[in-house]
Amino acid sequence: MQTSSETIEELNQKQLADLVSIETKRLCEKYNKDFLDCEDLIKITNLGRDNVRAMMHRRDFPLLKIGRRNVVNISSFAYWCIKQTYKEM
């Protein structure tokens, strides 16, 4: 049975959506909030403050600026991390 490239792409999108959903649920339950700040990202990534701030200011990072605070929606962060992981493979 041959699989078209469209079917493979749909499967990849489904897997991506499942991964994002699982990771979003895990992080929401662990941190009991919908948005993460710099301190949360330091704990999650085990990166230093300067590296997390550099990551947060990348053009492709889903940063939200609320007043003077920089935060990221958990589902957007999970999607971004997974996309970055598979981009490099």
Protein backbone atom coordinates (compact mmCIF):
# COMPACT_ATOMS: atom_id res chain seq x y z
CA MET A 1 0.00 0.00 0.00
CA GLN A 2 1.48 3.34 -1.03
CA THR A 3 0.90 6.46 0.99
CA SER A 4 0.70 9.82 -0.71
CA SER A 5 2.77 12.72 0.58
CA GLU A 6 -0.47 14.49 1.59
CA THR A 7 -1.42 11.58 3.85
CA ILE A 8 2.04 11.57 5.44
CA GLU A 9 1.79 15.32 5.99
CA GLU A 10 -1.64 14.91 7.60
CA LEU A 11 -0.25 12.18 9.85
CA ASN A 12 2.64 14.44 10.86
CA GLN A 13 0.20 17.26 11.65
CA LYS A 14 -1.90 14.88 13.74
CA GLN A 15 1.16 13.67 15.64
CA LEU A 16 2.31 17.25 16.15
CA ALA A 17 -1.12 18.25 17.48
CA ASP A 18 -1.12 15.26 19.85
CA LEU A 19 2.36 16.08 21.15
CA VAL A 20 1.44 19.72 21.70
CA SER A 21 -1.75 18.74 23.50
CA ILE A 22 0.05 16.31 25.82
CA GLU A 23 2.85 18.75 26.63
CA THR A 24 0.42 21.63 27.17
CA LYS A 25 -1.64 19.56 29.59
CA ARG A 26 1.49 18.46 31.48
CA LEU A 27 2.86 21.99 31.85
CA CYS A 28 -0.54 23.48 32.80
CA GLU A 29 -0.95 20.89 35.53
CA LYS A 30 2.62 21.28 36.78
CA TYR A 31 2.67 25.09 36.90
CA ASN A 32 -1.07 25.65 37.43
CA LYS A 33 -1.20 28.55 34.97
CA ASP A 34 -1.71 29.29 31.27
CA PHE A 35 1.28 31.59 30.73
CA LEU A 36 4.95 31.12 31.53
CA ASP A 37 7.42 33.84 32.45
CA CYS A 38 11.21 33.89 32.36
CA GLU A 39 11.57 32.14 35.73
CA ASP A 40 9.27 29.31 34.64
CA LEU A 41 11.22 28.84 31.40
CA ILE A 42 14.48 28.72 33.36
CA LYS A 43 13.07 25.80 35.39
CA ILE A 44 11.65 24.01 32.35
CA THR A 45 14.69 24.33 30.07
CA ASN A 46 17.51 24.30 32.65
CA LEU A 47 19.02 27.24 30.79
CA GLY A 48 20.44 30.31 32.45
CA ARG A 49 18.57 33.60 32.66
CA ASP A 50 20.57 35.23 29.85
CA ASN A 51 19.97 32.30 27.48
CA VAL A 52 16.25 32.20 28.28
CA ARG A 53 15.94 35.93 27.65
CA ALA A 54 17.81 35.54 24.36
CA MET A 55 15.45 32.69 23.41
CA MET A 56 12.42 34.81 24.33
CA HIS A 57 13.61 37.62 22.05
CA ARG A 58 14.08 35.44 18.97
CA ARG A 59 11.89 36.51 16.06
CA ASP A 60 10.14 33.14 15.87
CA PHE A 61 9.45 32.83 19.62
CA PRO A 62 5.74 33.29 20.52
CA LEU A 63 6.35 36.06 23.06
CA LEU A 64 3.52 38.14 24.50
CA LYS A 65 4.32 41.46 26.11
CA ILE A 66 1.77 42.32 28.79
CA GLY A 67 2.68 45.67 30.24
CA ARG A 68 6.32 45.30 31.18
CA ARG A 69 6.13 41.51 31.51
CA ASN A 70 7.22 39.08 28.83
CA VAL A 71 5.23 35.83 28.90
CA VAL A 72 4.43 32.95 26.59
CA ASN A 73 1.24 30.94 26.31
CA ILE A 74 1.94 27.34 27.34
CA SER A 75 0.44 25.78 24.20
CA SER A 76 2.35 28.21 21.96
CA PHE A 77 5.57 27.40 23.84
CA ALA A 78 4.97 23.64 23.51
CA TYR A 79 4.29 24.01 19.77
CA TRP A 80 7.39 26.18 19.30
CA CYS A 81 9.64 23.74 21.21
CA ILE A 82 8.41 20.71 19.30
CA LYS A 83 8.78 22.49 15.95
CA GLN A 84 12.33 23.53 16.91
CA THR A 85 13.19 19.97 17.92
CA TYR A 86 11.98 18.41 14.68
CA LYS A 87 13.39 21.22 12.54
CA GLU A 88 16.89 20.21 13.56
CA MET A 89 16.41 16.49 12.83
